[in-house]
């Protein structure tokens, strides 16, 4: 599959494939510290899934092995969305320091360490779930990116954050900290799914359970103060902070393999797997713990949304935002 121009992926009109097969479809000193570390690694068990036990705020998605498998699978989807790229920001070819916020399984940080051997890549997350065998220029740290950062100002050539679903309460602070810790001329790139269900041909039923599921996602976000609509604000917040060369790209992500175009068919198949493997975990925790509804209600809604998402006659899609900008400098970095 060849690399595509971003212009080929933004603002695209997707044509349904009417001949698709359904099958596509972890004394007070050492002992106390050890106890804390153990709790962080162990996490919190709810509804048969493991959620992080560290961080300023409760995080909606699990951190167990199943979630890391989903995280790695979605990495493939994001690569397809970005035209076989790890990032869109035009960073220099020989960066020395890269920071990956909310690194998850660490797959993006590892790939970046392989791609840029000149760089020391640091992945930060509230959960210790990354692999032990790493490139020599890659390391992981447990920290909450919503707290004050301990790094030296002007340290990084590139700061990256992806798929902070219902995780960040204060985006202005995160963007400011990114700005303060970037070298002059360094880049910040943020990207995330925005699950506002859409269709270009009115094939989504008005009473769609899939649409109801996306609405529940936004309701949970508003109540906990981590808006699901945050990606829409990133460009303005970056510009307000003082970033230059700010770009915003919005991509369509099919709900299943309905598009005729093979790249988008593959993206849709990966999105369907994402729904299967991750949606129920966030839905059940949010509906029971935030909205005060029952586990059974959440399960029924998920089952209906899951069934609908397999219907290739429903040409639905959600959106993926990618926004990046450069910290000003007297002599900006050039891609050599």
C-alpha atoms as a PDB file:
ATOM      1  CA  UNK A   1       0.000   0.000   0.000  1.00  0.00           C
ATOM      2  CA  UNK A   2       1.688   3.184  -1.134  1.00  0.00           C
ATOM      3  CA  UNK A   3       2.017   6.343   0.941  1.00  0.00           C
ATOM      4  CA  UNK A   4      -0.639   8.926   0.194  1.00  0.00           C
ATOM      5  CA  UNK A   5      -0.728  12.675   0.173  1.00  0.00           C
ATOM      6  CA  UNK A   6      -2.710  14.143   3.090  1.00  0.00           C
ATOM      7  CA  UNK A   7      -4.882  15.860   0.541  1.00  0.00           C
ATOM      8  CA  UNK A   8      -5.987  12.378  -0.538  1.00  0.00           C
ATOM      9  CA  UNK A   9      -7.235  11.576   2.984  1.00  0.00           C
ATOM     10  CA  UNK A  10      -8.785  14.832   4.218  1.00  0.00           C
ATOM     11  CA  UNK A  11     -12.256  15.783   3.052  1.00  0.00           C
ATOM     12  CA  UNK A  12     -12.726  12.632   1.027  1.00  0.00           C
ATOM     13  CA  UNK A  13     -16.059  11.398  -0.271  1.00  0.00           C
ATOM     14  CA  UNK A  14     -16.373   7.695   0.477  1.00  0.00           C
ATOM     15  CA  UNK A  15     -18.219   5.425  -1.897  1.00  0.00           C
ATOM     16  CA  UNK A  16     -19.964   2.361  -0.409  1.00  0.00           C
ATOM     17  CA  UNK A  17     -18.939  -1.101  -1.558  1.00  0.00           C
ATOM     18  CA  UNK A  18     -22.240  -2.834  -2.135  1.00  0.00           C
ATOM     19  CA  UNK A  19     -20.557  -6.156  -2.856  1.00  0.00           C
ATOM     20  CA  UNK A  20     -18.650  -6.512   0.445  1.00  0.00           C
ATOM     21  CA  UNK A  21     -18.657  -9.817   2.280  1.00  0.00           C
ATOM     22  CA  UNK A  22     -20.133  -9.671   5.840  1.00  0.00           C
ATOM     23  CA  UNK A  23     -17.122 -11.662   7.060  1.00  0.00           C
ATOM     24  CA  UNK A  24     -14.920  -8.550   6.588  1.00  0.00           C
ATOM     25  CA  UNK A  25     -16.830  -7.577   8.917  1.00  0.00           C
ATOM     26  CA  UNK A  26       1.985  -2.737  38.943  1.00  0.00           C
ATOM     27  CA  UNK A  27       9.199   0.381  57.943  1.00  0.00           C
ATOM     28  CA  UNK A  28       7.695   3.660  55.807  1.00  0.00           C
ATOM     29  CA  UNK A  29      10.216   3.858  53.089  1.00  0.00           C
ATOM     30  CA  UNK A  30      11.012   0.981  50.825  1.00  0.00           C
ATOM     31  CA  UNK A  31       8.045  -1.143  51.865  1.00  0.00           C
ATOM     32  CA  UNK A  32       5.601   1.739  51.432  1.00  0.00           C
ATOM     33  CA  UNK A  33       7.057   2.696  48.075  1.00  0.00           C
ATOM     34  CA  UNK A  34       6.888  -0.948  46.996  1.00  0.00           C
ATOM     35  CA  UNK A  35       3.236  -1.045  48.023  1.00  0.00           C
ATOM     36  CA  UNK A  36       2.457   2.040  45.966  1.00  0.00           C
ATOM     37  CA  UNK A  37       4.285   0.654  42.940  1.00  0.00           C
ATOM     38  CA  UNK A  38       2.448  -2.641  43.306  1.00  0.00           C
ATOM     39  CA  UNK A  39      -0.906  -0.877  43.409  1.00  0.00           C
ATOM     40  CA  UNK A  40      -0.063   1.147  40.335  1.00  0.00           C
ATOM     41  CA  UNK A  41       0.906  -1.970  38.439  1.00  0.00           C
ATOM     42  CA  UNK A  42      -2.045  -4.005  39.670  1.00  0.00           C
ATOM     43  CA  UNK A  43      -4.685  -1.390  38.935  1.00  0.00           C
ATOM     44  CA  UNK A  44      -8.366  -1.499  39.846  1.00  0.00           C
ATOM     45  CA  UNK A  45     -10.630  -4.394  38.897  1.00  0.00           C
ATOM     46  CA  UNK A  46     -14.107  -3.513  37.666  1.00  0.00           C
ATOM     47  CA  UNK A  47     -16.525  -5.541  35.597  1.00  0.00           C
ATOM     48  CA  UNK A  48     -13.828  -8.067  34.779  1.00  0.00           C
ATOM     49  CA  UNK A  49     -11.430  -5.429  33.413  1.00  0.00           C
ATOM     50  CA  UNK A  50      -8.364  -3.679  34.946  1.00  0.00           C
ATOM     51  CA  UNK A  51      -8.291   0.138  35.109  1.00  0.00           C
ATOM     52  CA  UNK A  52      -5.380   2.427  36.153  1.00  0.00           C
ATOM     53  CA  UNK A  53      -4.943   3.192  39.876  1.00  0.00           C
ATOM     54  CA  UNK A  54      -2.640   6.188  39.355  1.00  0.00           C
ATOM     55  CA  UNK A  55      -3.322   9.719  38.225  1.00  0.00           C
ATOM     56  CA  UNK A  56      -5.125  12.895  39.288  1.00  0.00           C
ATOM     57  CA  UNK A  57      -8.382  11.845  37.711  1.00  0.00           C
ATOM     58  CA  UNK A  58     -10.190   8.613  36.962  1.00  0.00           C
ATOM     59  CA  UNK A  59      -9.501   7.264  33.496  1.00  0.00           C
ATOM     60  CA  UNK A  60     -12.252   5.516  31.591  1.00  0.00           C
ATOM     61  CA  UNK A  61     -10.357   2.926  29.570  1.00  0.00           C
ATOM     62  CA  UNK A  62      -8.750  -0.270  30.952  1.00  0.00           C
ATOM     63  CA  UNK A  63      -5.004  -0.980  31.086  1.00  0.00           C
ATOM     64  CA  UNK A  64      -5.078  -4.769  30.949  1.00  0.00           C
ATOM     65  CA  UNK A  65      -3.581  -7.049  28.315  1.00  0.00           C
ATOM     66  CA  UNK A  66      -6.698  -6.971  26.197  1.00  0.00           C
ATOM     67  CA  UNK A  67      -6.562  -3.170  26.101  1.00  0.00           C
ATOM     68  CA  UNK A  68      -2.905  -3.194  25.071  1.00  0.00           C
ATOM     69  CA  UNK A  69      -3.739  -5.550  22.235  1.00  0.00           C
ATOM     70  CA  UNK A  70      -6.471  -3.124  21.148  1.00  0.00           C
ATOM     71  CA  UNK A  71      -4.041  -0.201  21.477  1.00  0.00           C
ATOM     72  CA  UNK A  72      -1.555  -1.906  19.157  1.00  0.00           C
ATOM     73  CA  UNK A  73      -4.295  -2.737  16.652  1.00  0.00           C
ATOM     74  CA  UNK A  74      -5.491   0.864  16.628  1.00  0.00           C
ATOM     75  CA  UNK A  75      -1.919   2.017  15.995  1.00  0.00           C
ATOM     76  CA  UNK A  76      -2.219   0.289  12.647  1.00  0.00           C
ATOM     77  CA  UNK A  77      -5.486   2.132  11.999  1.00  0.00           C
ATOM     78  CA  UNK A  78      -3.960   5.522  12.818  1.00  0.00           C
ATOM     79  CA  UNK A  79      -1.040   4.781  10.503  1.00  0.00           C
ATOM     80  CA  UNK A  80      -3.480   4.074   7.675  1.00  0.00           C
ATOM     81  CA  UNK A  81      -5.433   7.249   8.437  1.00  0.00           C
ATOM     82  CA  UNK A  82      -2.249   9.345   8.274  1.00  0.00           C
ATOM     83  CA  UNK A  83      -1.131   7.834   4.991  1.00  0.00           C
ATOM     84  CA  UNK A  84       1.391   5.340   6.449  1.00  0.00           C
ATOM     85  CA  UNK A  85       2.943   8.062   8.614  1.00  0.00           C
ATOM     86  CA  UNK A  86       3.727   8.093  12.370  1.00  0.00           C
ATOM     87  CA  UNK A  87       3.068  11.837  12.462  1.00  0.00           C
ATOM     88  CA  UNK A  88       2.162  14.723  10.216  1.00  0.00           C
ATOM     89  CA  UNK A  89       4.264  17.469  11.841  1.00  0.00           C
ATOM     90  CA  UNK A  90       7.296  18.218   9.630  1.00  0.00           C
ATOM     91  CA  UNK A  91       9.896  17.604  12.341  1.00  0.00           C
ATOM     92  CA  UNK A  92      13.615  17.717  11.580  1.00  0.00           C
ATOM     93  CA  UNK A  93      15.288  14.549  10.282  1.00  0.00           C
ATOM     94  CA  UNK A  94      17.733  14.357  13.245  1.00  0.00           C
ATOM     95  CA  UNK A  95      15.698  15.120  16.412  1.00  0.00           C
ATOM     96  CA  UNK A  96      17.432  14.556  19.759  1.00  0.00           C
ATOM     97  CA  UNK A  97      14.499  14.409  22.205  1.00  0.00           C
ATOM     98  CA  UNK A  98      10.917  13.249  21.636  1.00  0.00           C
ATOM     99  CA  UNK A  99       8.147  12.992  24.251  1.00  0.00           C
ATOM    100  CA  UNK A 100       5.091  10.780  23.810  1.00  0.00           C
ATOM    101  CA  UNK A 101       2.244  11.748  26.129  1.00  0.00           C
ATOM    102  CA  UNK A 102      -0.164   8.995  27.191  1.00  0.00           C
ATOM    103  CA  UNK A 103       1.971   6.416  25.449  1.00  0.00           C
ATOM    104  CA  UNK A 104      -0.261   3.434  26.290  1.00  0.00           C
ATOM    105  CA  UNK A 105       1.324   0.215  25.045  1.00  0.00           C
ATOM    106  CA  UNK A 106       4.272   2.299  23.840  1.00  0.00           C
ATOM    107  CA  UNK A 107       4.047   1.128  20.268  1.00  0.00           C
ATOM    108  CA  UNK A 108       4.239   4.636  18.762  1.00  0.00           C
ATOM    109  CA  UNK A 109       7.274   5.564  20.916  1.00  0.00           C
ATOM    110  CA  UNK A 110       9.053   2.348  19.953  1.00  0.00           C
ATOM    111  CA  UNK A 111       8.393   2.908  16.270  1.00  0.00           C
ATOM    112  CA  UNK A 112       9.627   6.497  16.566  1.00  0.00           C
ATOM    113  CA  UNK A 113      12.826   5.328  18.310  1.00  0.00           C
ATOM    114  CA  UNK A 114      13.446   2.966  15.403  1.00  0.00           C
ATOM    115  CA  UNK A 115      12.694   5.637  12.818  1.00  0.00           C
ATOM    116  CA  UNK A 116      14.812   8.356  14.478  1.00  0.00           C
ATOM    117  CA  UNK A 117      17.965   6.728  15.972  1.00  0.00           C
ATOM    118  CA  UNK A 118      19.360  10.201  16.788  1.00  0.00           C
ATOM    119  CA  UNK A 119      16.534  10.786  19.282  1.00  0.00           C
ATOM    120  CA  UNK A 120      15.947   9.766  22.892  1.00  0.00           C
ATOM    121  CA  UNK A 121      12.259   8.900  22.951  1.00  0.00           C
ATOM    122  CA  UNK A 122      10.387   9.054  26.288  1.00  0.00           C
ATOM    123  CA  UNK A 123       6.902   7.618  26.630  1.00  0.00           C
ATOM    124  CA  UNK A 124       4.809   8.738  29.603  1.00  0.00           C
ATOM    125  CA  UNK A 125       1.662   7.092  30.947  1.00  0.00           C
ATOM    126  CA  UNK A 126      -0.233   6.542  34.192  1.00  0.00           C
ATOM    127  CA  UNK A 127       0.004   2.776  33.703  1.00  0.00           C
ATOM    128  CA  UNK A 128       3.099   0.572  33.602  1.00  0.00           C
ATOM    129  CA  UNK A 129       2.061  -1.591  30.685  1.00  0.00           C
ATOM    130  CA  UNK A 130       4.887  -1.127  28.177  1.00  0.00           C
ATOM    131  CA  UNK A 131       7.193  -3.966  27.066  1.00  0.00           C
ATOM    132  CA  UNK A 132      10.572  -4.681  28.676  1.00  0.00           C
ATOM    133  CA  UNK A 133      12.560  -5.176  25.472  1.00  0.00           C
ATOM    134  CA  UNK A 134      13.086  -1.773  23.877  1.00  0.00           C
ATOM    135  CA  UNK A 135      15.306   0.055  21.426  1.00  0.00           C
ATOM    136  CA  UNK A 136      18.299   1.548  23.292  1.00  0.00           C
ATOM    137  CA  UNK A 137      17.004   5.064  22.625  1.00  0.00           C
ATOM    138  CA  UNK A 138      13.508   4.466  24.067  1.00  0.00           C
ATOM    139  CA  UNK A 139      12.378   4.640  27.717  1.00  0.00           C
ATOM    140  CA  UNK A 140       9.064   4.744  29.588  1.00  0.00           C
ATOM    141  CA  UNK A 141       8.024   6.610  32.729  1.00  0.00           C
ATOM    142  CA  UNK A 142       4.956   6.500  34.971  1.00  0.00           C
ATOM    143  CA  UNK A 143       3.550   9.989  35.345  1.00  0.00           C
ATOM    144  CA  UNK A 144       0.332  11.938  34.914  1.00  0.00           C
ATOM    145  CA  UNK A 145       0.646  14.500  32.141  1.00  0.00           C
ATOM    146  CA  UNK A 146      -2.054  16.617  33.814  1.00  0.00           C
ATOM    147  CA  UNK A 147       0.348  17.325  36.721  1.00  0.00           C
ATOM    148  CA  UNK A 148       3.193  19.872  36.484  1.00  0.00           C
ATOM    149  CA  UNK A 149       5.946  18.421  34.321  1.00  0.00           C
ATOM    150  CA  UNK A 150       9.420  17.822  35.801  1.00  0.00           C
ATOM    151  CA  UNK A 151      11.319  18.115  32.517  1.00  0.00           C
ATOM    152  CA  UNK A 152      13.599  21.064  31.795  1.00  0.00           C
ATOM    153  CA  UNK A 153      12.058  23.799  29.673  1.00  0.00           C
ATOM    154  CA  UNK A 154      13.048  23.888  26.016  1.00  0.00           C
ATOM    155  CA  UNK A 155      13.916  20.172  26.043  1.00  0.00           C
ATOM    156  CA  UNK A 156      12.077  18.470  23.218  1.00  0.00           C
ATOM    157  CA  UNK A 157      12.127  18.647  19.460  1.00  0.00           C
ATOM    158  CA  UNK A 158       8.747  16.956  19.231  1.00  0.00           C
ATOM    159  CA  UNK A 159       5.899  16.323  21.697  1.00  0.00           C
ATOM    160  CA  UNK A 160       3.154  13.950  20.647  1.00  0.00           C
ATOM    161  CA  UNK A 161      -0.170  13.001  22.217  1.00  0.00           C
ATOM    162  CA  UNK A 162      -2.717  10.652  20.708  1.00  0.00           C
ATOM    163  CA  UNK A 163      -6.160   9.304  21.618  1.00  0.00           C
ATOM    164  CA  UNK A 164      -6.659  10.896  25.055  1.00  0.00           C
ATOM    165  CA  UNK A 165     -10.280   9.737  25.150  1.00  0.00           C
ATOM    166  CA  UNK A 166     -12.042  11.305  28.182  1.00  0.00           C
ATOM    167  CA  UNK A 167      -8.631  11.684  29.862  1.00  0.00           C
ATOM    168  CA  UNK A 168      -7.607  15.381  29.891  1.00  0.00           C
ATOM    169  CA  UNK A 169      -9.527  17.995  31.893  1.00  0.00           C
ATOM    170  CA  UNK A 170      -7.382  21.042  31.142  1.00  0.00           C
ATOM    171  CA  UNK A 171      -6.220  21.121  27.556  1.00  0.00           C
ATOM    172  CA  UNK A 172      -5.000  24.725  27.854  1.00  0.00           C
ATOM    173  CA  UNK A 173      -2.553  23.655  30.590  1.00  0.00           C
ATOM    174  CA  UNK A 174      -1.327  20.656  28.614  1.00  0.00           C
ATOM    175  CA  UNK A 175      -0.758  22.757  25.525  1.00  0.00           C
ATOM    176  CA  UNK A 176       1.037  25.441  27.580  1.00  0.00           C
ATOM    177  CA  UNK A 177       3.295  22.842  29.230  1.00  0.00           C
ATOM    178  CA  UNK A 178       4.049  21.420  25.809  1.00  0.00           C
ATOM    179  CA  UNK A 179       4.932  24.888  24.525  1.00  0.00           C
ATOM    180  CA  UNK A 180       7.190  25.573  27.543  1.00  0.00           C
ATOM    181  CA  UNK A 181       9.042  22.268  27.173  1.00  0.00           C
ATOM    182  CA  UNK A 182       9.562  22.382  23.423  1.00  0.00           C
ATOM    183  CA  UNK A 183      12.793  23.725  21.998  1.00  0.00           C
ATOM    184  CA  UNK A 184      12.336  26.832  19.869  1.00  0.00           C
ATOM    185  CA  UNK A 185      11.264  25.485  16.514  1.00  0.00           C
ATOM    186  CA  UNK A 186       9.953  22.242  18.029  1.00  0.00           C
ATOM    187  CA  UNK A 187       6.554  20.779  17.176  1.00  0.00           C
ATOM    188  CA  UNK A 188       3.493  19.653  19.133  1.00  0.00           C
ATOM    189  CA  UNK A 189       1.080  17.201  17.532  1.00  0.00           C
ATOM    190  CA  UNK A 190      -2.224  16.114  19.074  1.00  0.00           C
ATOM    191  CA  UNK A 191      -4.604  13.640  17.523  1.00  0.00           C
ATOM    192  CA  UNK A 192      -7.746  11.870  18.626  1.00  0.00           C
ATOM    193  CA  UNK A 193     -10.963  10.238  17.563  1.00  0.00           C
ATOM    194  CA  UNK A 194     -14.079  12.386  17.727  1.00  0.00           C
ATOM    195  CA  UNK A 195     -16.959   9.871  17.730  1.00  0.00           C
ATOM    196  CA  UNK A 196     -19.678  12.124  16.365  1.00  0.00           C
ATOM    197  CA  UNK A 197     -21.578   9.754  14.130  1.00  0.00           C
ATOM    198  CA  UNK A 198     -22.090  10.913  10.577  1.00  0.00           C
ATOM    199  CA  UNK A 199     -23.244   9.662   7.197  1.00  0.00           C
ATOM    200  CA  UNK A 200     -23.181  11.212   3.746  1.00  0.00           C
ATOM    201  CA  UNK A 201     -26.153   9.270   2.427  1.00  0.00           C
ATOM    202  CA  UNK A 202     -28.607   9.193   5.378  1.00  0.00           C
ATOM    203  CA  UNK A 203     -28.206   5.457   5.920  1.00  0.00           C
ATOM    204  CA  UNK A 204     -28.026   5.736   9.741  1.00  0.00           C
ATOM    205  CA  UNK A 205     -31.462   5.218  11.383  1.00  0.00           C
ATOM    206  CA  UNK A 206     -32.715   8.076  13.580  1.00  0.00           C
ATOM    207  CA  UNK A 207     -33.054   5.691  16.551  1.00  0.00           C
ATOM    208  CA  UNK A 208     -29.665   4.073  15.910  1.00  0.00           C
ATOM    209  CA  UNK A 209     -28.078   2.419  18.973  1.00  0.00           C
ATOM    210  CA  UNK A 210     -24.681   3.230  17.461  1.00  0.00           C
ATOM    211  CA  UNK A 211     -25.566   6.928  17.498  1.00  0.00           C
ATOM    212  CA  UNK A 212     -26.920   6.592  21.065  1.00  0.00           C
ATOM    213  CA  UNK A 213     -23.602   5.040  22.073  1.00  0.00           C
ATOM    214  CA  UNK A 214     -21.658   8.010  20.703  1.00  0.00           C
ATOM    215  CA  UNK A 215     -24.037  10.400  22.499  1.00  0.00           C
ATOM    216  CA  UNK A 216     -23.441   8.560  25.800  1.00  0.00           C
ATOM    217  CA  UNK A 217     -19.695   9.001  25.246  1.00  0.00           C
ATOM    218  CA  UNK A 218     -20.122  12.778  25.017  1.00  0.00           C
ATOM    219  CA  UNK A 219     -22.481  12.853  28.044  1.00  0.00           C
ATOM    220  CA  UNK A 220     -19.888  11.055  30.181  1.00  0.00           C
ATOM    221  CA  UNK A 221     -17.181  13.457  29.039  1.00  0.00           C
ATOM    222  CA  UNK A 222     -19.195  16.575  29.871  1.00  0.00           C
ATOM    223  CA  UNK A 223     -20.016  15.315  33.393  1.00  0.00           C
ATOM    224  CA  UNK A 224     -16.433  14.383  34.292  1.00  0.00           C
ATOM    225  CA  UNK A 225     -15.038  17.572  32.734  1.00  0.00           C
ATOM    226  CA  UNK A 226     -13.099  15.845  29.954  1.00  0.00           C
ATOM    227  CA  UNK A 227     -15.038  16.868  26.900  1.00  0.00           C
ATOM    228  CA  UNK A 228     -15.134  14.474  23.993  1.00  0.00           C
ATOM    229  CA  UNK A 229     -15.368  17.527  21.736  1.00  0.00           C
ATOM    230  CA  UNK A 230     -11.907  18.780  22.835  1.00  0.00           C
ATOM    231  CA  UNK A 231     -10.179  18.099  19.482  1.00  0.00           C
ATOM    232  CA  UNK A 232     -12.308  20.840  17.920  1.00  0.00           C
ATOM    233  CA  UNK A 233     -10.619  23.380  20.255  1.00  0.00           C
ATOM    234  CA  UNK A 234      -6.979  22.374  19.773  1.00  0.00           C
ATOM    235  CA  UNK A 235      -6.197  24.615  16.819  1.00  0.00           C
ATOM    236  CA  UNK A 236      -7.526  27.721  18.560  1.00  0.00           C
ATOM    237  CA  UNK A 237      -5.760  26.843  21.834  1.00  0.00           C
ATOM    238  CA  UNK A 238      -2.436  26.322  20.064  1.00  0.00           C
ATOM    239  CA  UNK A 239      -2.739  29.629  18.267  1.00  0.00           C
ATOM    240  CA  UNK A 240      -3.728  31.362  21.517  1.00  0.00           C
ATOM    241  CA  UNK A 241      -0.668  29.877  23.246  1.00  0.00           C
ATOM    242  CA  UNK A 242       1.611  31.247  20.516  1.00  0.00           C
ATOM    243  CA  UNK A 243       2.224  28.296  18.232  1.00  0.00           C
ATOM    244  CA  UNK A 244       2.864  29.057  14.581  1.00  0.00           C
ATOM    245  CA  UNK A 245       2.229  27.055  11.436  1.00  0.00           C
ATOM    246  CA  UNK A 246      -0.768  25.402  13.087  1.00  0.00           C
ATOM    247  CA  UNK A 247      -2.523  22.882  10.869  1.00  0.00           C
ATOM    248  CA  UNK A 248      -5.715  20.910  11.435  1.00  0.00           C
ATOM    249  CA  UNK A 249      -6.645  17.792   9.494  1.00  0.00           C
ATOM    250  CA  UNK A 250      -9.958  15.981   9.922  1.00  0.00           C
ATOM    251  CA  UNK A 251     -10.350  12.458   8.579  1.00  0.00           C
ATOM    252  CA  UNK A 252     -13.359  10.233   8.133  1.00  0.00           C
ATOM    253  CA  UNK A 253     -13.190   6.856   9.910  1.00  0.00           C
ATOM    254  CA  UNK A 254     -15.782   4.366   8.601  1.00  0.00           C
ATOM    255  CA  UNK A 255     -17.631   2.350  11.255  1.00  0.00           C
ATOM    256  CA  UNK A 256     -16.979  -0.873   9.359  1.00  0.00           C
ATOM    257  CA  UNK A 257     -15.683  -2.140   6.009  1.00  0.00           C
ATOM    258  CA  UNK A 258     -18.429  -0.531   3.913  1.00  0.00           C
ATOM    259  CA  UNK A 259     -16.280   1.788   1.712  1.00  0.00           C
ATOM    260  CA  UNK A 260     -15.279   0.659  -1.744  1.00  0.00           C
ATOM    261  CA  UNK A 261     -11.798   2.198  -1.436  1.00  0.00           C
ATOM    262  CA  UNK A 262      -9.487  -0.529  -0.092  1.00  0.00           C
ATOM    263  CA  UNK A 263      -7.576   1.757   2.310  1.00  0.00           C
ATOM    264  CA  UNK A 264     -10.782   2.995   3.887  1.00  0.00           C
ATOM    265  CA  UNK A 265     -12.214  -0.523   3.879  1.00  0.00           C
ATOM    266  CA  UNK A 266      -9.203  -1.581   5.994  1.00  0.00           C
ATOM    267  CA  UNK A 267      -9.595   1.456   8.271  1.00  0.00           C
ATOM    268  CA  UNK A 268     -13.245   0.530   8.742  1.00  0.00           C
ATOM    269  CA  UNK A 269     -12.407  -3.080   9.595  1.00  0.00           C
ATOM    270  CA  UNK A 270      -9.920  -1.861  12.240  1.00  0.00           C
ATOM    271  CA  UNK A 271     -12.502   0.575  13.632  1.00  0.00           C
ATOM    272  CA  UNK A 272     -15.016  -2.252  13.922  1.00  0.00           C
ATOM    273  CA  UNK A 273     -12.419  -4.242  15.899  1.00  0.00           C
ATOM    274  CA  UNK A 274     -11.916  -1.139  18.058  1.00  0.00           C
ATOM    275  CA  UNK A 275     -15.618  -1.074  18.892  1.00  0.00           C
ATOM    276  CA  UNK A 276     -15.611  -4.779  19.666  1.00  0.00           C
ATOM    277  CA  UNK A 277     -12.579  -4.636  21.965  1.00  0.00           C
ATOM    278  CA  UNK A 278     -12.764  -1.238  23.678  1.00  0.00           C
ATOM    279  CA  UNK A 279     -16.216   0.272  23.569  1.00  0.00           C
ATOM    280  CA  UNK A 280     -17.919  -1.933  26.137  1.00  0.00           C
ATOM    281  CA  UNK A 281     -15.220  -1.278  28.783  1.00  0.00           C
ATOM    282  CA  UNK A 282     -15.584   2.510  28.590  1.00  0.00           C
ATOM    283  CA  UNK A 283     -19.350   2.341  28.194  1.00  0.00           C
ATOM    284  CA  UNK A 284     -20.009   0.156  31.241  1.00  0.00           C
ATOM    285  CA  UNK A 285     -17.701   2.134  33.561  1.00  0.00           C
ATOM    286  CA  UNK A 286     -19.046   5.457  32.381  1.00  0.00           C
ATOM    287  CA  UNK A 287     -22.735   4.539  32.374  1.00  0.00           C
ATOM    288  CA  UNK A 288     -22.637   2.910  35.823  1.00  0.00           C
ATOM    289  CA  UNK A 289     -20.082   5.133  37.582  1.00  0.00           C
ATOM    290  CA  UNK A 290     -20.933   8.484  35.967  1.00  0.00           C
ATOM    291  CA  UNK A 291     -24.463   8.368  34.593  1.00  0.00           C
ATOM    292  CA  UNK A 292     -25.846   6.164  37.379  1.00  0.00           C
ATOM    293  CA  UNK A 293     -27.354   3.605  35.031  1.00  0.00           C
ATOM    294  CA  UNK A 294     -27.197  -0.159  35.381  1.00  0.00           C
ATOM    295  CA  UNK A 295     -24.610  -2.525  33.981  1.00  0.00           C
ATOM    296  CA  UNK A 296     -27.417  -4.349  32.195  1.00  0.00           C
ATOM    297  CA  UNK A 297     -28.526  -1.157  30.418  1.00  0.00           C
ATOM    298  CA  UNK A 298     -24.972  -0.574  29.254  1.00  0.00           C
ATOM    299  CA  UNK A 299     -24.632  -4.138  28.005  1.00  0.00           C
ATOM    300  CA  UNK A 300     -27.888  -3.980  26.059  1.00  0.00           C
ATOM    301  CA  UNK A 301     -26.935  -0.685  24.403  1.00  0.00           C
ATOM    302  CA  UNK A 302     -23.502  -2.031  23.517  1.00  0.00           C
ATOM    303  CA  UNK A 303     -24.934  -5.233  22.072  1.00  0.00           C
ATOM    304  CA  UNK A 304     -27.319  -3.268  19.834  1.00  0.00           C
ATOM    305  CA  UNK A 305     -24.596  -0.826  18.734  1.00  0.00           C
ATOM    306  CA  UNK A 306     -22.259  -3.729  18.024  1.00  0.00           C
ATOM    307  CA  UNK A 307     -24.871  -5.445  15.878  1.00  0.00           C
ATOM    308  CA  UNK A 308     -25.586  -2.259  13.932  1.00  0.00           C
ATOM    309  CA  UNK A 309     -21.898  -1.605  13.363  1.00  0.00           C
ATOM    310  CA  UNK A 310     -21.695  -4.827  11.369  1.00  0.00           C
ATOM    311  CA  UNK A 311     -24.395  -3.760   8.926  1.00  0.00           C
ATOM    312  CA  UNK A 312     -22.636  -2.815   5.695  1.00  0.00           C
ATOM    313  CA  UNK A 313     -25.787  -1.056   4.549  1.00  0.00           C
ATOM    314  CA  UNK A 314     -25.199   1.594   7.256  1.00  0.00           C
ATOM    315  CA  UNK A 315     -22.558   3.891   5.762  1.00  0.00           C
ATOM    316  CA  UNK A 316     -21.590   5.618   9.007  1.00  0.00           C
ATOM    317  CA  UNK A 317     -18.320   7.183  10.004  1.00  0.00           C
ATOM    318  CA  UNK A 318     -16.761   9.104  12.880  1.00  0.00           C
ATOM    319  CA  UNK A 319     -13.917  11.644  12.657  1.00  0.00           C
ATOM    320  CA  UNK A 320     -10.229  11.683  13.535  1.00  0.00           C
ATOM    321  CA  UNK A 321      -8.565  15.049  14.291  1.00  0.00           C
ATOM    322  CA  UNK A 322      -4.845  15.682  13.881  1.00  0.00           C
ATOM    323  CA  UNK A 323      -3.594  19.152  14.861  1.00  0.00           C
ATOM    324  CA  UNK A 324       0.043  20.247  14.955  1.00  0.00           C
ATOM    325  CA  UNK A 325       1.954  23.497  15.433  1.00  0.00           C
ATOM    326  CA  UNK A 326       5.473  24.876  15.815  1.00  0.00           C
ATOM    327  CA  UNK A 327       6.968  26.830  18.718  1.00  0.00           C
ATOM    328  CA  UNK A 328       8.416  30.023  17.209  1.00  0.00           C
ATOM    329  CA  UNK A 329      12.132  30.536  16.890  1.00  0.00           C
ATOM    330  CA  UNK A 330      14.428  33.090  15.287  1.00  0.00           C
ATOM    331  CA  UNK A 331      15.743  30.285  13.132  1.00  0.00           C
ATOM    332  CA  UNK A 332      13.152  27.565  12.732  1.00  0.00           C
ATOM    333  CA  UNK A 333      14.168  23.997  12.128  1.00  0.00           C
ATOM    334  CA  UNK A 334      14.194  22.931   8.539  1.00  0.00           C
ATOM    335  CA  UNK A 335      13.581  19.451   7.259  1.00  0.00           C
ATOM    336  CA  UNK A 336      16.913  18.483   5.782  1.00  0.00           C
END
